[in-house]
PDB file of N, CA and C in Angstrom:
ATOM      1  N   UNK A   1       0.813  -1.128  -0.057  1.00  0.00           N
ATOM      2  CA  UNK A   1      -0.069  -0.080  -0.089  1.00  0.00           C
ATOM      3  C   UNK A   1       0.818   1.270   0.016  1.00  0.00           C
ATOM      4  N   UNK A   2       0.671   2.351  -0.454  1.00  0.00           N
ATOM      5  CA  UNK A   2       1.157   3.334  -0.893  1.00  0.00           C
ATOM      6  C   UNK A   2       0.699   4.339   0.346  1.00  0.00           C
ATOM      7  N   UNK A   3       1.423   4.232   1.329  1.00  0.00           N
ATOM      8  CA  UNK A   3       1.168   5.166   2.600  1.00  0.00           C
ATOM      9  C   UNK A   3       1.335   6.620   2.469  1.00  0.00           C
ATOM     10  N   UNK A   4       2.446   7.014   1.688  1.00  0.00           N
ATOM     11  CA  UNK A   4       2.598   8.354   1.781  1.00  0.00           C
ATOM     12  C   UNK A   4       1.455   9.146   1.037  1.00  0.00           C
ATOM     13  N   UNK A   5       1.033   8.543  -0.096  1.00  0.00           N
ATOM     14  CA  UNK A   5      -0.361   8.885  -0.682  1.00  0.00           C
ATOM     15  C   UNK A   5      -1.667   9.088   0.113  1.00  0.00           C
ATOM     16  N   UNK A   6      -1.659   7.839   0.791  1.00  0.00           N
ATOM     17  CA  UNK A   6      -2.713   8.083   2.067  1.00  0.00           C
ATOM     18  C   UNK A   6      -2.613   9.289   2.976  1.00  0.00           C
ATOM     19  N   UNK A   7      -1.533   9.448   3.170  1.00  0.00           N
ATOM     20  CA  UNK A   7      -1.397  10.567   4.290  1.00  0.00           C
ATOM     21  C   UNK A   7      -1.352  12.006   3.316  1.00  0.00           C
ATOM     22  N   UNK A   8      -1.007  11.890   2.427  1.00  0.00           N
ATOM     23  CA  UNK A   8      -1.420  13.196   1.551  1.00  0.00           C
ATOM     24  C   UNK A   8      -2.820  13.594   1.487  1.00  0.00           C
ATOM     25  N   UNK A   9      -3.465  12.527   1.273  1.00  0.00           N
ATOM     26  CA  UNK A   9      -5.170  12.640   1.018  1.00  0.00           C
ATOM     27  C   UNK A   9      -5.460  13.271   2.190  1.00  0.00           C
ATOM     28  N   UNK A  10      -5.446  12.298   3.447  1.00  0.00           N
ATOM     29  CA  UNK A  10      -5.609  12.761   4.768  1.00  0.00           C
ATOM     30  C   UNK A  10      -5.295  14.405   5.178  1.00  0.00           C
ATOM     31  N   UNK A  11      -4.154  14.795   4.937  1.00  0.00           N
ATOM     32  CA  UNK A  11      -3.732  16.045   5.120  1.00  0.00           C
ATOM     33  C   UNK A  11      -4.401  17.025   4.281  1.00  0.00           C
ATOM     34  N   UNK A  12      -4.753  16.571   3.230  1.00  0.00           N
ATOM     35  CA  UNK A  12      -5.492  17.810   2.204  1.00  0.00           C
ATOM     36  C   UNK A  12      -6.847  17.820   2.767  1.00  0.00           C
ATOM     37  N   UNK A  13      -7.318  16.479   3.222  1.00  0.00           N
ATOM     38  CA  UNK A  13      -8.823  16.417   3.712  1.00  0.00           C
ATOM     39  C   UNK A  13      -9.089  17.322   4.992  1.00  0.00           C
ATOM     40  N   UNK A  14      -7.930  17.089   5.764  1.00  0.00           N
ATOM     41  CA  UNK A  14      -8.116  17.766   7.177  1.00  0.00           C
ATOM     42  C   UNK A  14      -7.919  19.189   6.670  1.00  0.00           C
ATOM     43  N   UNK A  15      -6.969  19.669   5.992  1.00  0.00           N
ATOM     44  CA  UNK A  15      -6.902  21.300   5.807  1.00  0.00           C
ATOM     45  C   UNK A  15      -7.916  21.708   5.154  1.00  0.00           C
ATOM     46  N   UNK A  16      -8.542  20.938   4.350  1.00  0.00           N
ATOM     47  CA  UNK A  16      -9.730  21.929   3.588  1.00  0.00           C
ATOM     48  C   UNK A  16     -11.016  21.879   4.451  1.00  0.00           C
ATOM     49  N   UNK A  17     -11.041  20.891   5.409  1.00  0.00           N
ATOM     50  CA  UNK A  17     -12.181  20.717   6.212  1.00  0.00           C
ATOM     51  C   UNK A  17     -12.144  22.008   7.238  1.00  0.00           C
ATOM     52  N   UNK A  18     -10.945  22.044   7.649  1.00  0.00           N
ATOM     53  CA  UNK A  18     -10.397  23.142   8.796  1.00  0.00           C
ATOM     54  C   UNK A  18     -10.964  24.721   8.224  1.00  0.00           C
ATOM     55  N   UNK A  19     -10.278  24.618   6.910  1.00  0.00           N
ATOM     56  CA  UNK A  19     -10.649  25.857   6.270  1.00  0.00           C
ATOM     57  C   UNK A  19     -12.045  26.377   6.060  1.00  0.00           C
ATOM     58  N   UNK A  20     -12.702  25.543   5.441  1.00  0.00           N
ATOM     59  CA  UNK A  20     -14.065  25.465   5.392  1.00  0.00           C
ATOM     60  C   UNK A  20     -14.987  25.907   6.670  1.00  0.00           C
ATOM     61  N   UNK A  21     -14.734  25.074   7.645  1.00  0.00           N
ATOM     62  CA  UNK A  21     -15.327  25.488   9.134  1.00  0.00           C
ATOM     63  C   UNK A  21     -14.971  26.648   9.539  1.00  0.00           C
ATOM     64  N   UNK A  22     -13.662  26.928   9.553  1.00  0.00           N
ATOM     65  CA  UNK A  22     -13.036  28.581  10.053  1.00  0.00           C
ATOM     66  C   UNK A  22     -13.884  29.438   9.106  1.00  0.00           C
ATOM     67  N   UNK A  23     -13.859  29.644   7.828  1.00  0.00           N
ATOM     68  CA  UNK A  23     -14.583  30.583   6.921  1.00  0.00           C
ATOM     69  C   UNK A  23     -16.031  30.550   7.294  1.00  0.00           C
ATOM     70  N   UNK A  24     -16.859  29.608   7.579  1.00  0.00           N
ATOM     71  CA  UNK A  24     -18.163  29.557   7.863  1.00  0.00           C
ATOM     72  C   UNK A  24     -18.385  30.113   9.318  1.00  0.00           C
ATOM     73  N   UNK A  25     -17.277  29.661  10.229  1.00  0.00           N
ATOM     74  CA  UNK A  25     -17.646  30.232  11.322  1.00  0.00           C
ATOM     75  C   UNK A  25     -17.388  31.809  11.595  1.00  0.00           C
ATOM     76  N   UNK A  26     -16.229  32.323  10.613  1.00  0.00           N
ATOM     77  CA  UNK A  26     -16.019  33.810  10.736  1.00  0.00           C
ATOM     78  C   UNK A  26     -17.093  34.565  10.208  1.00  0.00           C
ATOM     79  N   UNK A  27     -17.870  33.911   9.187  1.00  0.00           N
ATOM     80  CA  UNK A  27     -18.767  34.435   8.620  1.00  0.00           C
ATOM     81  C   UNK A  27     -19.889  34.586   9.565  1.00  0.00           C
ATOM     82  N   UNK A  28     -20.077  33.441  10.243  1.00  0.00           N
ATOM     83  CA  UNK A  28     -21.435  33.562  11.298  1.00  0.00           C
ATOM     84  C   UNK A  28     -21.294  34.703  12.175  1.00  0.00           C
ATOM     85  N   UNK A  29     -19.940  34.515  12.760  1.00  0.00           N
ATOM     86  CA  UNK A  29     -19.279  35.793  13.536  1.00  0.00           C
ATOM     87  C   UNK A  29     -19.664  37.109  13.167  1.00  0.00           C
ATOM     88  N   UNK A  30     -19.275  37.454  11.753  1.00  0.00           N
ATOM     89  CA  UNK A  30     -19.413  38.812  11.427  1.00  0.00           C
ATOM     90  C   UNK A  30     -20.863  39.184  11.189  1.00  0.00           C
ATOM     91  N   UNK A  31     -21.574  38.094  10.735  1.00  0.00           N
ATOM     92  CA  UNK A  31     -22.961  38.325  10.747  1.00  0.00           C
ATOM     93  C   UNK A  31     -23.558  38.849  11.950  1.00  0.00           C
ATOM     94  N   UNK A  32     -23.230  37.890  12.912  1.00  0.00           N
ATOM     95  CA  UNK A  32     -23.662  38.528  14.383  1.00  0.00           C
ATOM     96  C   UNK A  32     -23.276  39.813  14.764  1.00  0.00           C
ATOM     97  N   UNK A  33     -21.926  40.170  14.436  1.00  0.00           N
ATOM     98  CA  UNK A  33     -21.526  41.279  14.731  1.00  0.00           C
ATOM     99  C   UNK A  33     -22.213  42.305  14.104  1.00  0.00           C
ATOM    100  N   UNK A  34     -22.667  42.400  12.586  1.00  0.00           N
ATOM    101  CA  UNK A  34     -23.105  43.333  11.955  1.00  0.00           C
ATOM    102  C   UNK A  34     -24.708  43.537  12.549  1.00  0.00           C
ATOM    103  N   UNK A  35     -25.223  42.727  13.195  1.00  0.00           N
ATOM    104  CA  UNK A  35     -26.589  42.718  13.691  1.00  0.00           C
ATOM    105  C   UNK A  35     -26.565  43.264  14.724  1.00  0.00           C
ATOM    106  N   UNK A  36     -25.493  43.776  15.287  1.00  0.00           N
ATOM    107  CA  UNK A  36     -25.695  44.613  16.656  1.00  0.00           C
ATOM    108  C   UNK A  36     -25.643  46.118  16.525  1.00  0.00           C
ATOM    109  N   UNK A  37     -26.628  46.669  17.087  1.00  0.00           N
ATOM    110  CA  UNK A  37     -27.094  48.031  16.853  1.00  0.00           C
ATOM    111  C   UNK A  37     -26.143  49.144  17.164  1.00  0.00           C
ATOM    112  N   UNK A  38     -24.961  48.685  17.958  1.00  0.00           N
ATOM    113  CA  UNK A  38     -23.813  49.881  18.567  1.00  0.00           C
ATOM    114  C   UNK A  38     -22.898  49.772  17.276  1.00  0.00           C
ATOM    115  N   UNK A  39     -22.665  48.884  16.464  1.00  0.00           N
ATOM    116  CA  UNK A  39     -21.560  48.988  15.400  1.00  0.00           C
ATOM    117  C   UNK A  39     -21.608  50.116  14.570  1.00  0.00           C
ATOM    118  N   UNK A  40     -20.177  50.572  14.282  1.00  0.00           N
ATOM    119  CA  UNK A  40     -20.092  51.735  13.238  1.00  0.00           C
ATOM    120  C   UNK A  40     -20.350  51.384  11.919  1.00  0.00           C
ATOM    121  N   UNK A  41     -19.711  50.543  11.558  1.00  0.00           N
ATOM    122  CA  UNK A  41     -20.079  49.881  10.167  1.00  0.00           C
ATOM    123  C   UNK A  41     -20.550  48.382  10.011  1.00  0.00           C
ATOM    124  N   UNK A  42     -22.053  48.537  10.009  1.00  0.00           N
ATOM    125  CA  UNK A  42     -22.316  46.998   9.740  1.00  0.00           C
ATOM    126  C   UNK A  42     -22.336  46.611   8.639  1.00  0.00           C
ATOM    127  N   UNK A  43     -22.516  47.405   7.480  1.00  0.00           N
ATOM    128  CA  UNK A  43     -22.332  47.024   6.146  1.00  0.00           C
ATOM    129  C   UNK A  43     -21.209  46.354   5.606  1.00  0.00           C
ATOM    130  N   UNK A  44     -19.955  47.138   6.315  1.00  0.00           N
ATOM    131  CA  UNK A  44     -18.527  45.987   5.541  1.00  0.00           C
ATOM    132  C   UNK A  44     -18.656  45.149   6.449  1.00  0.00           C
ATOM    133  N   UNK A  45     -19.018  44.594   7.561  1.00  0.00           N
ATOM    134  CA  UNK A  45     -18.881  43.351   8.250  1.00  0.00           C
ATOM    135  C   UNK A  45     -19.852  42.474   7.771  1.00  0.00           C
ATOM    136  N   UNK A  46     -21.078  42.843   7.468  1.00  0.00           N
ATOM    137  CA  UNK A  46     -21.889  42.077   6.558  1.00  0.00           C
ATOM    138  C   UNK A  46     -21.434  41.708   5.308  1.00  0.00           C
ATOM    139  N   UNK A  47     -21.009  42.696   4.617  1.00  0.00           N
ATOM    140  CA  UNK A  47     -20.533  42.076   3.150  1.00  0.00           C
ATOM    141  C   UNK A  47     -19.214  41.131   3.331  1.00  0.00           C
ATOM    142  N   UNK A  48     -18.319  41.587   4.411  1.00  0.00           N
ATOM    143  CA  UNK A  48     -17.251  40.445   4.663  1.00  0.00           C
ATOM    144  C   UNK A  48     -17.899  38.998   4.951  1.00  0.00           C
ATOM    145  N   UNK A  49     -18.844  38.957   5.856  1.00  0.00           N
ATOM    146  CA  UNK A  49     -19.519  37.861   6.116  1.00  0.00           C
ATOM    147  C   UNK A  49     -20.066  36.852   4.833  1.00  0.00           C
ATOM    148  N   UNK A  50     -20.373  37.850   3.706  1.00  0.00           N
ATOM    149  CA  UNK A  50     -21.178  37.450   2.596  1.00  0.00           C
ATOM    150  C   UNK A  50     -19.854  36.716   1.671  1.00  0.00           C
ATOM    151  N   UNK A  51     -18.867  37.485   1.845  1.00  0.00           N
ATOM    152  CA  UNK A  51     -17.488  37.056   1.317  1.00  0.00           C
ATOM    153  C   UNK A  51     -17.253  35.553   1.708  1.00  0.00           C
ATOM    154  N   UNK A  52     -16.942  35.362   3.294  1.00  0.00           N
ATOM    155  CA  UNK A  52     -16.677  34.150   3.765  1.00  0.00           C
ATOM    156  C   UNK A  52     -17.753  33.005   3.374  1.00  0.00           C
ATOM    157  N   UNK A  53     -18.930  33.519   3.237  1.00  0.00           N
ATOM    158  CA  UNK A  53     -19.762  32.207   2.696  1.00  0.00           C
ATOM    159  C   UNK A  53     -19.656  31.795   1.345  1.00  0.00           C
ATOM    160  N   UNK A  54     -19.304  32.894   0.688  1.00  0.00           N
ATOM    161  CA  UNK A  54     -19.442  32.742  -0.976  1.00  0.00           C
ATOM    162  C   UNK A  54     -17.868  31.871  -1.245  1.00  0.00           C
ATOM    163  N   UNK A  55     -16.814  32.209  -0.205  1.00  0.00           N
ATOM    164  CA  UNK A  55     -15.665  31.162  -0.360  1.00  0.00           C
ATOM    165  C   UNK A  55     -15.848  29.764   0.147  1.00  0.00           C
ATOM    166  N   UNK A  56     -16.750  29.600   0.989  1.00  0.00           N
ATOM    167  CA  UNK A  56     -17.215  28.333   1.413  1.00  0.00           C
ATOM    168  C   UNK A  56     -17.931  27.617   0.293  1.00  0.00           C
ATOM    169  N   UNK A  57     -18.978  28.270  -0.264  1.00  0.00           N
ATOM    170  CA  UNK A  57     -19.842  27.908  -1.479  1.00  0.00           C
ATOM    171  C   UNK A  57     -18.642  27.450  -2.498  1.00  0.00           C
ATOM    172  N   UNK A  58     -17.745  28.179  -2.745  1.00  0.00           N
ATOM    173  CA  UNK A  58     -16.742  28.028  -3.932  1.00  0.00           C
ATOM    174  C   UNK A  58     -15.895  26.641  -3.344  1.00  0.00           C
ATOM    175  N   UNK A  59     -15.633  26.434  -2.175  1.00  0.00           N
ATOM    176  CA  UNK A  59     -14.731  25.514  -1.499  1.00  0.00           C
ATOM    177  C   UNK A  59     -15.560  23.973  -1.974  1.00  0.00           C
ATOM    178  N   UNK A  60     -17.008  24.031  -1.640  1.00  0.00           N
ATOM    179  CA  UNK A  60     -17.682  22.997  -1.664  1.00  0.00           C
ATOM    180  C   UNK A  60     -17.886  22.692  -3.315  1.00  0.00           C
ATOM    181  N   UNK A  61     -18.187  23.750  -3.885  1.00  0.00           N
ATOM    182  CA  UNK A  61     -18.033  23.376  -5.456  1.00  0.00           C
ATOM    183  C   UNK A  61     -17.000  22.844  -6.100  1.00  0.00           C
ATOM    184  N   UNK A  62     -15.966  23.312  -5.563  1.00  0.00           N
ATOM    185  CA  UNK A  62     -14.529  22.707  -6.065  1.00  0.00           C
ATOM    186  C   UNK A  62     -14.534  21.156  -5.700  1.00  0.00           C
ATOM    187  N   UNK A  63     -14.700  20.727  -4.390  1.00  0.00           N
ATOM    188  CA  UNK A  63     -14.891  19.348  -4.037  1.00  0.00           C
ATOM    189  C   UNK A  63     -15.694  18.635  -4.817  1.00  0.00           C
ATOM    190  N   UNK A  64     -16.846  18.853  -5.109  1.00  0.00           N
ATOM    191  CA  UNK A  64     -17.609  18.299  -5.991  1.00  0.00           C
ATOM    192  C   UNK A  64     -17.280  17.972  -7.194  1.00  0.00           C
ATOM    193  N   UNK A  65     -16.552  19.226  -7.697  1.00  0.00           N
ATOM    194  CA  UNK A  65     -15.806  19.285  -9.282  1.00  0.00           C
ATOM    195  C   UNK A  65     -14.678  18.022  -9.243  1.00  0.00           C
ATOM    196  N   UNK A  66     -13.976  17.957  -7.938  1.00  0.00           N
ATOM    197  CA  UNK A  66     -13.182  16.705  -7.995  1.00  0.00           C
ATOM    198  C   UNK A  66     -13.455  15.327  -7.700  1.00  0.00           C
ATOM    199  N   UNK A  67     -14.758  15.132  -7.155  1.00  0.00           N
ATOM    200  CA  UNK A  67     -15.371  13.932  -6.826  1.00  0.00           C
ATOM    201  C   UNK A  67     -16.212  13.361  -7.898  1.00  0.00           C
ATOM    202  N   UNK A  68     -16.947  14.323  -8.625  1.00  0.00           N
ATOM    203  CA  UNK A  68     -17.787  13.789  -9.576  1.00  0.00           C
ATOM    204  C   UNK A  68     -16.848  13.367 -10.895  1.00  0.00           C
ATOM    205  N   UNK A  69     -16.702  12.305 -11.623  1.00  0.00           N
ATOM    206  CA  UNK A  69     -16.056  12.104 -12.596  1.00  0.00           C
ATOM    207  C   UNK A  69     -16.365  12.828 -13.908  1.00  0.00           C
ATOM    208  N   UNK A  70     -17.741  13.045 -14.126  1.00  0.00           N
ATOM    209  CA  UNK A  70     -18.312  13.687 -15.309  1.00  0.00           C
ATOM    210  C   UNK A  70     -17.570  15.090 -15.403  1.00  0.00           C
ATOM    211  N   UNK A  71     -17.438  15.836 -14.285  1.00  0.00           N
ATOM    212  CA  UNK A  71     -16.641  17.070 -14.551  1.00  0.00           C
ATOM    213  C   UNK A  71     -15.059  17.191 -14.828  1.00  0.00           C
ATOM    214  N   UNK A  72     -14.559  16.144 -14.119  1.00  0.00           N
ATOM    215  CA  UNK A  72     -13.089  16.006 -14.091  1.00  0.00           C
ATOM    216  C   UNK A  72     -12.433  15.281 -15.420  1.00  0.00           C
ATOM    217  N   UNK A  73     -13.400  14.476 -16.212  1.00  0.00           N
ATOM    218  CA  UNK A  73     -12.686  13.567 -17.196  1.00  0.00           C
ATOM    219  C   UNK A  73     -12.430  14.486 -18.141  1.00  0.00           C
TER     220      UNK A  73
END
């Protein structure tokens, strides 16, 4: 068995999962901060939250692109 390739895939999976979860968490946090009435610029924080959600969506779509053979062949 090729152990190095297995570790490479496991490491890439872990890094991708941590990145998606961190971006989603940051987006939720920025949305909560933007909803606070005492914030000076809620529009900027809300737009950054949407950027984080968009990057999460792109990461999911890229993962689907890699998994589904019809798209990557």
